[in-house]
Amino acid sequence: MSSPFDKPTIESRLSVRGAKWHRDAADIIPLWLADPDYPLCPEIKQTLLDAVEEEFTVYGSDADARDCMSAKIKRVNKIDVPASQIMLTQGVTPGMWLAARHATRPGDEIIVTDPMYYP
């Protein structure tokens, strides 16, 4: 059984009812916050419910999270990314900043929109 989480495409995202995939030109990738593209993954939902039931509500280790991400990337994307090469961030904005910082050189120009939550 395939999952929409495994291989998202622009076409599959256009079928989402949220406004962000329908308000801009097709060549604009909407990366703003607060408009989830997917429902909560059933496995994550169950894991969260189990953690609350067991009163395990403390943060896990970054190493555990990176190991899980590495395994998922290898399984789904067939790319071997060592856990040591995965960096956790506090959200989309720091992640985008890091990506821009590592993909550009001093003097390169990038467009940054005002940070805001769209209605």
PDB file of N, CA and C in Angstrom:
ATOM      1  N   MET A   1       0.850  -1.183   0.000  1.00  0.00           N
ATOM      2  CA  MET A   1       0.000   0.000   0.000  1.00  0.00           C
ATOM      3  C   MET A   1       0.890   1.239   0.000  1.00  0.00           C
ATOM      4  N   SER A   2       0.698   2.105  -0.955  1.00  0.00           N
ATOM      5  CA  SER A   2       1.518   3.315  -0.999  1.00  0.00           C
ATOM      6  C   SER A   2       0.911   4.394  -0.106  1.00  0.00           C
ATOM      7  N   SER A   3       1.770   5.289   0.295  1.00  0.00           N
ATOM      8  CA  SER A   3       1.361   6.365   1.193  1.00  0.00           C
ATOM      9  C   SER A   3       1.669   7.700   0.541  1.00  0.00           C
ATOM     10  N   PRO A   4       0.825   8.722   0.724  1.00  0.00           N
ATOM     11  CA  PRO A   4       1.132  10.042   0.162  1.00  0.00           C
ATOM     12  C   PRO A   4       2.371  10.657   0.793  1.00  0.00           C
ATOM     13  N   PHE A   5       2.853  10.080   1.909  1.00  0.00           N
ATOM     14  CA  PHE A   5       4.050  10.597   2.562  1.00  0.00           C
ATOM     15  C   PHE A   5       5.313  10.149   1.838  1.00  0.00           C
ATOM     16  N   ASP A   6       5.242   9.050   1.081  1.00  0.00           N
ATOM     17  CA  ASP A   6       6.440   8.455   0.503  1.00  0.00           C
ATOM     18  C   ASP A   6       7.007   9.232  -0.677  1.00  0.00           C
ATOM     19  N   LYS A   7       6.186   9.591  -1.630  1.00  0.00           N
ATOM     20  CA  LYS A   7       6.685  10.256  -2.830  1.00  0.00           C
ATOM     21  C   LYS A   7       5.752  11.393  -3.238  1.00  0.00           C
ATOM     22  N   PRO A   8       5.787  12.503  -2.510  1.00  0.00           N
ATOM     23  CA  PRO A   8       4.902  13.611  -2.879  1.00  0.00           C
ATOM     24  C   PRO A   8       5.316  14.211  -4.216  1.00  0.00           C
ATOM     25  N   THR A   9       4.339  14.623  -4.977  1.00  0.00           N
ATOM     26  CA  THR A   9       4.584  15.290  -6.251  1.00  0.00           C
ATOM     27  C   THR A   9       3.810  16.603  -6.259  1.00  0.00           C
ATOM     28  N   ILE A  10       4.177  17.473  -7.185  1.00  0.00           N
ATOM     29  CA  ILE A  10       3.419  18.719  -7.331  1.00  0.00           C
ATOM     30  C   ILE A  10       1.955  18.390  -7.614  1.00  0.00           C
ATOM     31  N   GLU A  11       1.729  17.392  -8.471  1.00  0.00           N
ATOM     32  CA  GLU A  11       0.359  17.026  -8.815  1.00  0.00           C
ATOM     33  C   GLU A  11      -0.423  16.562  -7.583  1.00  0.00           C
ATOM     34  N   SER A  12       0.232  15.752  -6.728  1.00  0.00           N
ATOM     35  CA  SER A  12      -0.483  15.290  -5.533  1.00  0.00           C
ATOM     36  C   SER A  12      -0.753  16.442  -4.576  1.00  0.00           C
ATOM     37  N   ARG A  13       0.125  17.410  -4.534  1.00  0.00           N
ATOM     38  CA  ARG A  13      -0.071  18.564  -3.654  1.00  0.00           C
ATOM     39  C   ARG A  13      -1.174  19.462  -4.187  1.00  0.00           C
ATOM     40  N   LEU A  14      -1.333  19.538  -5.503  1.00  0.00           N
ATOM     41  CA  LEU A  14      -2.396  20.371  -6.065  1.00  0.00           C
ATOM     42  C   LEU A  14      -3.783  19.835  -5.720  1.00  0.00           C
ATOM     43  N   SER A  15      -3.862  18.575  -5.340  1.00  0.00           N
ATOM     44  CA  SER A  15      -5.157  18.015  -4.963  1.00  0.00           C
ATOM     45  C   SER A  15      -5.519  18.329  -3.513  1.00  0.00           C
ATOM     46  N   VAL A  16      -4.585  18.918  -2.770  1.00  0.00           N
ATOM     47  CA  VAL A  16      -4.839  19.294  -1.380  1.00  0.00           C
ATOM     48  C   VAL A  16      -5.799  20.478  -1.351  1.00  0.00           C
ATOM     49  N   ARG A  17      -6.696  20.499  -0.398  1.00  0.00           N
ATOM     50  CA  ARG A  17      -7.701  21.561  -0.345  1.00  0.00           C
ATOM     51  C   ARG A  17      -7.170  22.878   0.187  1.00  0.00           C
ATOM     52  N   GLY A  18      -6.000  22.892   0.810  1.00  0.00           N
ATOM     53  CA  GLY A  18      -5.456  24.128   1.370  1.00  0.00           C
ATOM     54  C   GLY A  18      -5.210  25.182   0.303  1.00  0.00           C
ATOM     55  N   ALA A  19      -5.267  26.433   0.708  1.00  0.00           N
ATOM     56  CA  ALA A  19      -5.151  27.556  -0.226  1.00  0.00           C
ATOM     57  C   ALA A  19      -3.761  27.713  -0.814  1.00  0.00           C
ATOM     58  N   LYS A  20      -2.732  27.319  -0.088  1.00  0.00           N
ATOM     59  CA  LYS A  20      -1.385  27.665  -0.531  1.00  0.00           C
ATOM     60  C   LYS A  20      -1.004  27.050  -1.864  1.00  0.00           C
ATOM     61  N   TRP A  21      -1.596  25.937  -2.243  1.00  0.00           N
ATOM     62  CA  TRP A  21      -1.232  25.309  -3.513  1.00  0.00           C
ATOM     63  C   TRP A  21      -2.071  25.835  -4.676  1.00  0.00           C
ATOM     64  N   HIS A  22      -2.941  26.789  -4.422  1.00  0.00           N
ATOM     65  CA  HIS A  22      -3.821  27.269  -5.481  1.00  0.00           C
ATOM     66  C   HIS A  22      -3.756  28.775  -5.692  1.00  0.00           C
ATOM     67  N   ARG A  23      -2.958  29.476  -4.927  1.00  0.00           N
ATOM     68  CA  ARG A  23      -2.985  30.928  -5.010  1.00  0.00           C
ATOM     69  C   ARG A  23      -1.843  31.517  -5.810  1.00  0.00           C
ATOM     70  N   ASP A  24      -0.789  30.744  -6.094  1.00  0.00           N
ATOM     71  CA  ASP A  24       0.383  31.278  -6.771  1.00  0.00           C
ATOM     72  C   ASP A  24       0.626  30.557  -8.092  1.00  0.00           C
ATOM     73  N   ALA A  25       1.528  31.113  -8.873  1.00  0.00           N
ATOM     74  CA  ALA A  25       1.886  30.517 -10.156  1.00  0.00           C
ATOM     75  C   ALA A  25       2.475  29.126  -9.941  1.00  0.00           C
ATOM     76  N   ALA A  26       2.389  28.294 -10.971  1.00  0.00           N
ATOM     77  CA  ALA A  26       2.840  26.907 -10.860  1.00  0.00           C
ATOM     78  C   ALA A  26       4.329  26.789 -10.575  1.00  0.00           C
ATOM     79  N   ASP A  27       5.106  27.805 -10.934  1.00  0.00           N
ATOM     80  CA  ASP A  27       6.556  27.703 -10.723  1.00  0.00           C
ATOM     81  C   ASP A  27       7.003  28.265  -9.371  1.00  0.00           C
ATOM     82  N   ILE A  28       6.066  28.585  -8.507  1.00  0.00           N
ATOM     83  CA  ILE A  28       6.394  29.064  -7.163  1.00  0.00           C
ATOM     84  C   ILE A  28       6.193  27.914  -6.185  1.00  0.00           C
ATOM     85  N   ILE A  29       7.228  27.622  -5.417  1.00  0.00           N
ATOM     86  CA  ILE A  29       7.135  26.570  -4.415  1.00  0.00           C
ATOM     87  C   ILE A  29       6.747  27.217  -3.092  1.00  0.00           C
ATOM     88  N   PRO A  30       5.559  26.935  -2.570  1.00  0.00           N
ATOM     89  CA  PRO A  30       5.106  27.583  -1.342  1.00  0.00           C
ATOM     90  C   PRO A  30       5.744  26.948  -0.106  1.00  0.00           C
ATOM     91  N   LEU A  31       6.647  27.666   0.534  1.00  0.00           N
ATOM     92  CA  LEU A  31       7.355  27.121   1.690  1.00  0.00           C
ATOM     93  C   LEU A  31       7.012  27.848   2.979  1.00  0.00           C
ATOM     94  N   TRP A  32       5.912  28.576   3.013  1.00  0.00           N
ATOM     95  CA  TRP A  32       5.579  29.296   4.229  1.00  0.00           C
ATOM     96  C   TRP A  32       4.973  28.349   5.256  1.00  0.00           C
ATOM     97  N   LEU A  33       4.787  28.880   6.452  1.00  0.00           N
ATOM     98  CA  LEU A  33       4.362  28.069   7.594  1.00  0.00           C
ATOM     99  C   LEU A  33       2.852  28.010   7.742  1.00  0.00           C
ATOM    100  N   ALA A  34       2.425  27.154   8.634  1.00  0.00           N
ATOM    101  CA  ALA A  34       1.057  27.110   9.162  1.00  0.00           C
ATOM    102  C   ALA A  34       0.002  26.657   8.166  1.00  0.00           C
ATOM    103  N   ASP A  35       0.378  25.877   7.170  1.00  0.00           N
ATOM    104  CA  ASP A  35      -0.603  25.296   6.267  1.00  0.00           C
ATOM    105  C   ASP A  35      -0.140  23.876   5.953  1.00  0.00           C
ATOM    106  N   PRO A  36      -0.403  22.931   6.854  1.00  0.00           N
ATOM    107  CA  PRO A  36       0.095  21.572   6.657  1.00  0.00           C
ATOM    108  C   PRO A  36      -0.407  20.963   5.350  1.00  0.00           C
ATOM    109  N   ASP A  37       0.480  20.254   4.686  1.00  0.00           N
ATOM    110  CA  ASP A  37       0.129  19.607   3.427  1.00  0.00           C
ATOM    111  C   ASP A  37      -0.503  18.235   3.623  1.00  0.00           C
ATOM    112  N   TYR A  38      -0.213  17.618   4.737  1.00  0.00           N
ATOM    113  CA  TYR A  38      -0.657  16.253   4.967  1.00  0.00           C
ATOM    114  C   TYR A  38      -1.395  16.144   6.291  1.00  0.00           C
ATOM    115  N   PRO A  39      -2.277  15.164   6.387  1.00  0.00           N
ATOM    116  CA  PRO A  39      -2.821  14.863   7.710  1.00  0.00           C
ATOM    117  C   PRO A  39      -1.699  14.249   8.543  1.00  0.00           C
ATOM    118  N   LEU A  40      -1.889  14.187   9.816  1.00  0.00           N
ATOM    119  CA  LEU A  40      -0.891  13.581  10.682  1.00  0.00           C
ATOM    120  C   LEU A  40      -0.720  12.113  10.299  1.00  0.00           C
ATOM    121  N   CYS A  41       0.510  11.709  10.083  1.00  0.00           N
ATOM    122  CA  CYS A  41       0.833  10.327   9.727  1.00  0.00           C
ATOM    123  C   CYS A  41       0.293   9.388  10.810  1.00  0.00           C
ATOM    124  N   PRO A  42      -0.420   8.325  10.436  1.00  0.00           N
ATOM    125  CA  PRO A  42      -1.018   7.436  11.443  1.00  0.00           C
ATOM    126  C   PRO A  42      -0.005   6.877  12.445  1.00  0.00           C
ATOM    127  N   GLU A  43       1.191   6.542  11.968  1.00  0.00           N
ATOM    128  CA  GLU A  43       2.207   6.001  12.879  1.00  0.00           C
ATOM    129  C   GLU A  43       2.659   7.046  13.894  1.00  0.00           C
ATOM    130  N   ILE A  44       2.786   8.282  13.452  1.00  0.00           N
ATOM    131  CA  ILE A  44       3.177   9.358  14.369  1.00  0.00           C
ATOM    132  C   ILE A  44       2.051   9.625  15.362  1.00  0.00           C
ATOM    133  N   LYS A  45       0.832   9.651  14.858  1.00  0.00           N
ATOM    134  CA  LYS A  45      -0.313   9.876  15.741  1.00  0.00           C
ATOM    135  C   LYS A  45      -0.357   8.817  16.840  1.00  0.00           C
ATOM    136  N   GLN A  46      -0.205   7.549  16.464  1.00  0.00           N
ATOM    137  CA  GLN A  46      -0.254   6.480  17.458  1.00  0.00           C
ATOM    138  C   GLN A  46       0.915   6.571  18.430  1.00  0.00           C
ATOM    139  N   THR A  47       2.099   6.907  17.923  1.00  0.00           N
ATOM    140  CA  THR A  47       3.269   7.052  18.791  1.00  0.00           C
ATOM    141  C   THR A  47       3.060   8.172  19.802  1.00  0.00           C
ATOM    142  N   LEU A  48       2.487   9.289  19.355  1.00  0.00           N
ATOM    143  CA  LEU A  48       2.203  10.395  20.273  1.00  0.00           C
ATOM    144  C   LEU A  48       1.181   9.990  21.333  1.00  0.00           C
ATOM    145  N   LEU A  49       0.134   9.309  20.905  1.00  0.00           N
ATOM    146  CA  LEU A  49      -0.880   8.853  21.862  1.00  0.00           C
ATOM    147  C   LEU A  49      -0.278   7.882  22.879  1.00  0.00           C
ATOM    148  N   ASP A  50       0.569   6.965  22.397  1.00  0.00           N
ATOM    149  CA  ASP A  50       1.230   6.017  23.309  1.00  0.00           C
ATOM    150  C   ASP A  50       2.124   6.750  24.300  1.00  0.00           C
ATOM    151  N   ALA A  51       2.872   7.740  23.821  1.00  0.00           N
ATOM    152  CA  ALA A  51       3.781   8.489  24.697  1.00  0.00           C
ATOM    153  C   ALA A  51       3.011   9.223  25.784  1.00  0.00           C
ATOM    154  N   VAL A  52       1.891   9.825  25.429  1.00  0.00           N
ATOM    155  CA  VAL A  52       1.074  10.532  26.425  1.00  0.00           C
ATOM    156  C   VAL A  52       0.504   9.529  27.427  1.00  0.00           C
ATOM    157  N   GLU A  53       0.006   8.412  26.921  1.00  0.00           N
ATOM    158  CA  GLU A  53      -0.560   7.384  27.805  1.00  0.00           C
ATOM    159  C   GLU A  53       0.485   6.861  28.792  1.00  0.00           C
ATOM    160  N   GLU A  54       1.730   6.737  28.336  1.00  0.00           N
ATOM    161  CA  GLU A  54       2.811   6.233  29.192  1.00  0.00           C
ATOM    162  C   GLU A  54       3.497   7.353  29.972  1.00  0.00           C
ATOM    163  N   GLU A  55       2.969   8.580  29.833  1.00  0.00           N
ATOM    164  CA  GLU A  55       3.538   9.765  30.485  1.00  0.00           C
ATOM    165  C   GLU A  55       5.003   9.980  30.110  1.00  0.00           C
ATOM    166  N   PHE A  56       5.339   9.621  28.884  1.00  0.00           N
ATOM    167  CA  PHE A  56       6.687   9.850  28.363  1.00  0.00           C
ATOM    168  C   PHE A  56       6.621  11.106  27.499  1.00  0.00           C
ATOM    169  N   THR A  57       6.714  12.251  28.156  1.00  0.00           N
ATOM    170  CA  THR A  57       6.549  13.520  27.441  1.00  0.00           C
ATOM    171  C   THR A  57       7.805  14.377  27.494  1.00  0.00           C
ATOM    172  N   VAL A  58       8.950  13.750  27.743  1.00  0.00           N
ATOM    173  CA  VAL A  58      10.219  14.478  27.710  1.00  0.00           C
ATOM    174  C   VAL A  58      10.799  14.363  26.306  1.00  0.00           C
ATOM    175  N   TYR A  59      11.758  15.211  25.987  1.00  0.00           N
ATOM    176  CA  TYR A  59      12.385  15.153  24.677  1.00  0.00           C
ATOM    177  C   TYR A  59      13.294  13.940  24.573  1.00  0.00           C
ATOM    178  N   GLY A  60      13.291  13.294  23.424  1.00  0.00           N
ATOM    179  CA  GLY A  60      14.242  12.223  23.150  1.00  0.00           C
ATOM    180  C   GLY A  60      15.569  12.827  22.737  1.00  0.00           C
ATOM    181  N   SER A  61      16.521  11.980  22.436  1.00  0.00           N
ATOM    182  CA  SER A  61      17.833  12.508  22.058  1.00  0.00           C
ATOM    183  C   SER A  61      17.869  12.863  20.578  1.00  0.00           C
ATOM    184  N   ASP A  62      18.696  13.829  20.236  1.00  0.00           N
ATOM    185  CA  ASP A  62      18.892  14.182  18.836  1.00  0.00           C
ATOM    186  C   ASP A  62      19.458  12.998  18.062  1.00  0.00           C
ATOM    187  N   ALA A  63      20.333  12.217  18.706  1.00  0.00           N
ATOM    188  CA  ALA A  63      20.946  11.067  18.031  1.00  0.00           C
ATOM    189  C   ALA A  63      19.880  10.059  17.610  1.00  0.00           C
ATOM    190  N   ASP A  64      18.911   9.795  18.471  1.00  0.00           N
ATOM    191  CA  ASP A  64      17.831   8.871  18.120  1.00  0.00           C
ATOM    192  C   ASP A  64      17.030   9.392  16.932  1.00  0.00           C
ATOM    193  N   ALA A  65      16.714  10.667  16.940  1.00  0.00           N
ATOM    194  CA  ALA A  65      15.942  11.261  15.844  1.00  0.00           C
ATOM    195  C   ALA A  65      16.722  11.188  14.537  1.00  0.00           C
ATOM    196  N   ARG A  66      18.007  11.506  14.578  1.00  0.00           N
ATOM    197  CA  ARG A  66      18.824  11.451  13.359  1.00  0.00           C
ATOM    198  C   ARG A  66      18.945  10.020  12.837  1.00  0.00           C
ATOM    199  N   ASP A  67      19.081   9.053  13.735  1.00  0.00           N
ATOM    200  CA  ASP A  67      19.138   7.649  13.307  1.00  0.00           C
ATOM    201  C   ASP A  67      17.851   7.248  12.590  1.00  0.00           C
ATOM    202  N   CYS A  68      16.704   7.648  13.144  1.00  0.00           N
ATOM    203  CA  CYS A  68      15.415   7.341  12.516  1.00  0.00           C
ATOM    204  C   CYS A  68      15.288   8.008  11.153  1.00  0.00           C
ATOM    205  N   MET A  69      15.708   9.270  11.059  1.00  0.00           N
ATOM    206  CA  MET A  69      15.635   9.986   9.783  1.00  0.00           C
ATOM    207  C   MET A  69      16.535   9.333   8.746  1.00  0.00           C
ATOM    208  N   SER A  70      17.732   8.942   9.148  1.00  0.00           N
ATOM    209  CA  SER A  70      18.669   8.289   8.239  1.00  0.00           C
ATOM    210  C   SER A  70      18.067   7.000   7.684  1.00  0.00           C
ATOM    211  N   ALA A  71      17.462   6.196   8.558  1.00  0.00           N
ATOM    212  CA  ALA A  71      16.842   4.940   8.130  1.00  0.00           C
ATOM    213  C   ALA A  71      15.676   5.193   7.177  1.00  0.00           C
ATOM    214  N   LYS A  72      14.866   6.216   7.459  1.00  0.00           N
ATOM    215  CA  LYS A  72      13.721   6.541   6.595  1.00  0.00           C
ATOM    216  C   LYS A  72      14.181   7.007   5.221  1.00  0.00           C
ATOM    217  N   ILE A  73      15.204   7.848   5.171  1.00  0.00           N
ATOM    218  CA  ILE A  73      15.713   8.347   3.887  1.00  0.00           C
ATOM    219  C   ILE A  73      16.257   7.192   3.050  1.00  0.00           C
ATOM    220  N   LYS A  74      16.937   6.260   3.704  1.00  0.00           N
ATOM    221  CA  LYS A  74      17.475   5.103   2.983  1.00  0.00           C
ATOM    222  C   LYS A  74      16.347   4.214   2.473  1.00  0.00           C
ATOM    223  N   ARG A  75      15.338   3.969   3.308  1.00  0.00           N
ATOM    224  CA  ARG A  75      14.231   3.095   2.935  1.00  0.00           C
ATOM    225  C   ARG A  75      13.373   3.701   1.830  1.00  0.00           C
ATOM    226  N   VAL A  76      13.002   4.961   1.992  1.00  0.00           N
ATOM    227  CA  VAL A  76      12.060   5.590   1.065  1.00  0.00           C
ATOM    228  C   VAL A  76      12.751   6.159  -0.166  1.00  0.00           C
ATOM    229  N   ASN A  77      13.851   6.872   0.048  1.00  0.00           N
ATOM    230  CA  ASN A  77      14.499   7.577  -1.053  1.00  0.00           C
ATOM    231  C   ASN A  77      15.678   6.823  -1.658  1.00  0.00           C
ATOM    232  N   LYS A  78      16.057   5.705  -1.040  1.00  0.00           N
ATOM    233  CA  LYS A  78      17.185   4.895  -1.527  1.00  0.00           C
ATOM    234  C   LYS A  78      18.481   5.698  -1.559  1.00  0.00           C
ATOM    235  N   ILE A  79      18.640   6.591  -0.579  1.00  0.00           N
ATOM    236  CA  ILE A  79      19.844   7.413  -0.456  1.00  0.00           C
ATOM    237  C   ILE A  79      20.440   7.127   0.913  1.00  0.00           C
ATOM    238  N   ASP A  80      21.741   6.822   0.925  1.00  0.00           N
ATOM    239  CA  ASP A  80      22.410   6.532   2.192  1.00  0.00           C
ATOM    240  C   ASP A  80      22.964   7.829   2.775  1.00  0.00           C
ATOM    241  N   VAL A  81      22.251   8.386   3.737  1.00  0.00           N
ATOM    242  CA  VAL A  81      22.683   9.608   4.415  1.00  0.00           C
ATOM    243  C   VAL A  81      23.029   9.240   5.854  1.00  0.00           C
ATOM    244  N   PRO A  82      24.315   9.313   6.218  1.00  0.00           N
ATOM    245  CA  PRO A  82      24.675   8.986   7.596  1.00  0.00           C
ATOM    246  C   PRO A  82      23.978   9.922   8.587  1.00  0.00           C
ATOM    247  N   ALA A  83      23.593   9.374   9.721  1.00  0.00           N
ATOM    248  CA  ALA A  83      22.930  10.181  10.750  1.00  0.00           C
ATOM    249  C   ALA A  83      23.784  11.378  11.145  1.00  0.00           C
ATOM    250  N   SER A  84      25.092  11.228  11.076  1.00  0.00           N
ATOM    251  CA  SER A  84      25.991  12.330  11.450  1.00  0.00           C
ATOM    252  C   SER A  84      25.896  13.511  10.488  1.00  0.00           C
ATOM    253  N   GLN A  85      25.303  13.299   9.305  1.00  0.00           N
ATOM    254  CA  GLN A  85      25.161  14.365   8.320  1.00  0.00           C
ATOM    255  C   GLN A  85      23.786  15.032   8.369  1.00  0.00           C
ATOM    256  N   ILE A  86      22.954  14.630   9.305  1.00  0.00           N
ATOM    257  CA  ILE A  86      21.609  15.193   9.439  1.00  0.00           C
ATOM    258  C   ILE A  86      21.614  16.212  10.569  1.00  0.00           C
ATOM    259  N   MET A  87      21.074  17.398  10.283  1.00  0.00           N
ATOM    260  CA  MET A  87      21.008  18.453  11.289  1.00  0.00           C
ATOM    261  C   MET A  87      19.551  18.738  11.625  1.00  0.00           C
ATOM    262  N   LEU A  88      19.232  18.730  12.894  1.00  0.00           N
ATOM    263  CA  LEU A  88      17.886  19.065  13.343  1.00  0.00           C
ATOM    264  C   LEU A  88      17.784  20.569  13.537  1.00  0.00           C
ATOM    265  N   THR A  89      16.632  21.130  13.172  1.00  0.00           N
ATOM    266  CA  THR A  89      16.400  22.556  13.386  1.00  0.00           C
ATOM    267  C   THR A  89      15.115  22.734  14.182  1.00  0.00           C
ATOM    268  N   GLN A  90      14.867  23.958  14.602  1.00  0.00           N
ATOM    269  CA  GLN A  90      13.685  24.254  15.402  1.00  0.00           C
ATOM    270  C   GLN A  90      12.472  24.563  14.547  1.00  0.00           C
ATOM    271  N   GLY A  91      12.549  24.387  13.254  1.00  0.00           N
ATOM    272  CA  GLY A  91      11.408  24.659  12.403  1.00  0.00           C
ATOM    273  C   GLY A  91      11.832  24.970  10.985  1.00  0.00           C
ATOM    274  N   VAL A  92      10.852  25.380  10.189  1.00  0.00           N
ATOM    275  CA  VAL A  92      11.082  25.651   8.777  1.00  0.00           C
ATOM    276  C   VAL A  92      12.012  26.839   8.572  1.00  0.00           C
ATOM    277  N   THR A  93      11.791  27.921   9.300  1.00  0.00           N
ATOM    278  CA  THR A  93      12.590  29.130   9.075  1.00  0.00           C
ATOM    279  C   THR A  93      14.073  28.894   9.307  1.00  0.00           C
ATOM    280  N   PRO A  94      14.495  28.307  10.432  1.00  0.00           N
ATOM    281  CA  PRO A  94      15.929  28.033  10.584  1.00  0.00           C
ATOM    282  C   PRO A  94      16.446  27.054   9.533  1.00  0.00           C
ATOM    283  N   GLY A  95      15.622  26.086   9.153  1.00  0.00           N
ATOM    284  CA  GLY A  95      16.034  25.135   8.118  1.00  0.00           C
ATOM    285  C   GLY A  95      16.251  25.808   6.779  1.00  0.00           C
ATOM    286  N   MET A  96      15.350  26.725   6.414  1.00  0.00           N
ATOM    287  CA  MET A  96      15.506  27.451   5.147  1.00  0.00           C
ATOM    288  C   MET A  96      16.734  28.354   5.195  1.00  0.00           C
ATOM    289  N   TRP A  97      16.984  28.971   6.346  1.00  0.00           N
ATOM    290  CA  TRP A  97      18.161  29.823   6.494  1.00  0.00           C
ATOM    291  C   TRP A  97      19.426  28.992   6.298  1.00  0.00           C
ATOM    292  N   LEU A  98      19.481  27.826   6.941  1.00  0.00           N
ATOM    293  CA  LEU A  98      20.656  26.965   6.792  1.00  0.00           C
ATOM    294  C   LEU A  98      20.827  26.500   5.353  1.00  0.00           C
ATOM    295  N   ALA A  99      19.729  26.120   4.699  1.00  0.00           N
ATOM    296  CA  ALA A  99      19.816  25.676   3.308  1.00  0.00           C
ATOM    297  C   ALA A  99      20.331  26.799   2.413  1.00  0.00           C
ATOM    298  N   ALA A 100      19.803  28.009   2.594  1.00  0.00           N
ATOM    299  CA  ALA A 100      20.262  29.149   1.788  1.00  0.00           C
ATOM    300  C   ALA A 100      21.727  29.451   2.074  1.00  0.00           C
ATOM    301  N   ARG A 101      22.108  29.384   3.325  1.00  0.00           N
ATOM    302  CA  ARG A 101      23.499  29.671   3.703  1.00  0.00           C
ATOM    303  C   ARG A 101      24.473  28.687   3.056  1.00  0.00           C
ATOM    304  N   HIS A 102      24.083  27.428   2.978  1.00  0.00           N
ATOM    305  CA  HIS A 102      24.974  26.413   2.424  1.00  0.00           C
ATOM    306  C   HIS A 102      24.888  26.305   0.905  1.00  0.00           C
ATOM    307  N   ALA A 103      23.844  26.854   0.296  1.00  0.00           N
ATOM    308  CA  ALA A 103      23.680  26.752  -1.157  1.00  0.00           C
ATOM    309  C   ALA A 103      24.096  28.022  -1.888  1.00  0.00           C
ATOM    310  N   THR A 104      24.480  29.049  -1.154  1.00  0.00           N
ATOM    311  CA  THR A 104      24.863  30.313  -1.783  1.00  0.00           C
ATOM    312  C   THR A 104      26.247  30.728  -1.308  1.00  0.00           C
ATOM    313  N   ARG A 105      26.791  31.703  -2.023  1.00  0.00           N
ATOM    314  CA  ARG A 105      28.093  32.261  -1.655  1.00  0.00           C
ATOM    315  C   ARG A 105      27.903  33.724  -1.284  1.00  0.00           C
ATOM    316  N   PRO A 106      28.859  34.295  -0.563  1.00  0.00           N
ATOM    317  CA  PRO A 106      28.764  35.724  -0.251  1.00  0.00           C
ATOM    318  C   PRO A 106      28.565  36.535  -1.532  1.00  0.00           C
ATOM    319  N   GLY A 107      27.595  37.437  -1.499  1.00  0.00           N
ATOM    320  CA  GLY A 107      27.293  38.268  -2.659  1.00  0.00           C
ATOM    321  C   GLY A 107      26.152  37.744  -3.508  1.00  0.00           C
ATOM    322  N   ASP A 108      25.796  36.455  -3.367  1.00  0.00           N
ATOM    323  CA  ASP A 108      24.648  35.920  -4.097  1.00  0.00           C
ATOM    324  C   ASP A 108      23.379  36.586  -3.578  1.00  0.00           C
ATOM    325  N   GLU A 109      22.400  36.711  -4.449  1.00  0.00           N
ATOM    326  CA  GLU A 109      21.135  37.317  -4.048  1.00  0.00           C
ATOM    327  C   GLU A 109      20.067  36.245  -3.895  1.00  0.00           C
ATOM    328  N   ILE A 110      19.260  36.381  -2.849  1.00  0.00           N
ATOM    329  CA  ILE A 110      18.106  35.512  -2.654  1.00  0.00           C
ATOM    330  C   ILE A 110      16.913  36.389  -2.282  1.00  0.00           C
ATOM    331  N   ILE A 111      15.729  35.897  -2.545  1.00  0.00           N
ATOM    332  CA  ILE A 111      14.510  36.634  -2.206  1.00  0.00           C
ATOM    333  C   ILE A 111      13.976  36.084  -0.891  1.00  0.00           C
ATOM    334  N   VAL A 112      13.744  36.963   0.055  1.00  0.00           N
ATOM    335  CA  VAL A 112      13.171  36.584   1.343  1.00  0.00           C
ATOM    336  C   VAL A 112      11.894  37.393   1.531  1.00  0.00           C
ATOM    337  N   THR A 113      10.776  36.705   1.681  1.00  0.00           N
ATOM    338  CA  THR A 113       9.510  37.414   1.883  1.00  0.00           C
ATOM    339  C   THR A 113       9.328  37.739   3.360  1.00  0.00           C
ATOM    340  N   ASP A 114       8.397  38.636   3.635  1.00  0.00           N
ATOM    341  CA  ASP A 114       8.087  38.955   5.027  1.00  0.00           C
ATOM    342  C   ASP A 114       7.585  37.703   5.733  1.00  0.00           C
ATOM    343  N   PRO A 115       8.105  37.421   6.919  1.00  0.00           N
ATOM    344  CA  PRO A 115       7.563  36.264   7.643  1.00  0.00           C
ATOM    345  C   PRO A 115       6.176  36.598   8.171  1.00  0.00           C
ATOM    346  N   MET A 116       5.201  35.803   7.797  1.00  0.00           N
ATOM    347  CA  MET A 116       3.842  36.047   8.250  1.00  0.00           C
ATOM    348  C   MET A 116       3.006  34.800   8.062  1.00  0.00           C
ATOM    349  N   TYR A 117       1.880  34.767   8.714  1.00  0.00           N
ATOM    350  CA  TYR A 117       0.929  33.683   8.544  1.00  0.00           C
ATOM    351  C   TYR A 117      -0.194  34.193   7.646  1.00  0.00           C
ATOM    352  N   TYR A 118      -0.368  33.528   6.522  1.00  0.00           N
ATOM    353  CA  TYR A 118      -1.399  33.947   5.582  1.00  0.00           C
ATOM    354  C   TYR A 118      -2.773  33.521   6.086  1.00  0.00           C
ATOM    355  N   PRO A 119      -3.801  34.279   5.738  1.00  0.00           N
ATOM    356  CA  PRO A 119      -5.152  33.904   6.197  1.00  0.00           C
ATOM    357  C   PRO A 119      -5.647  32.644   5.508  1.00  0.00           C
TER     358      PRO A 119
END
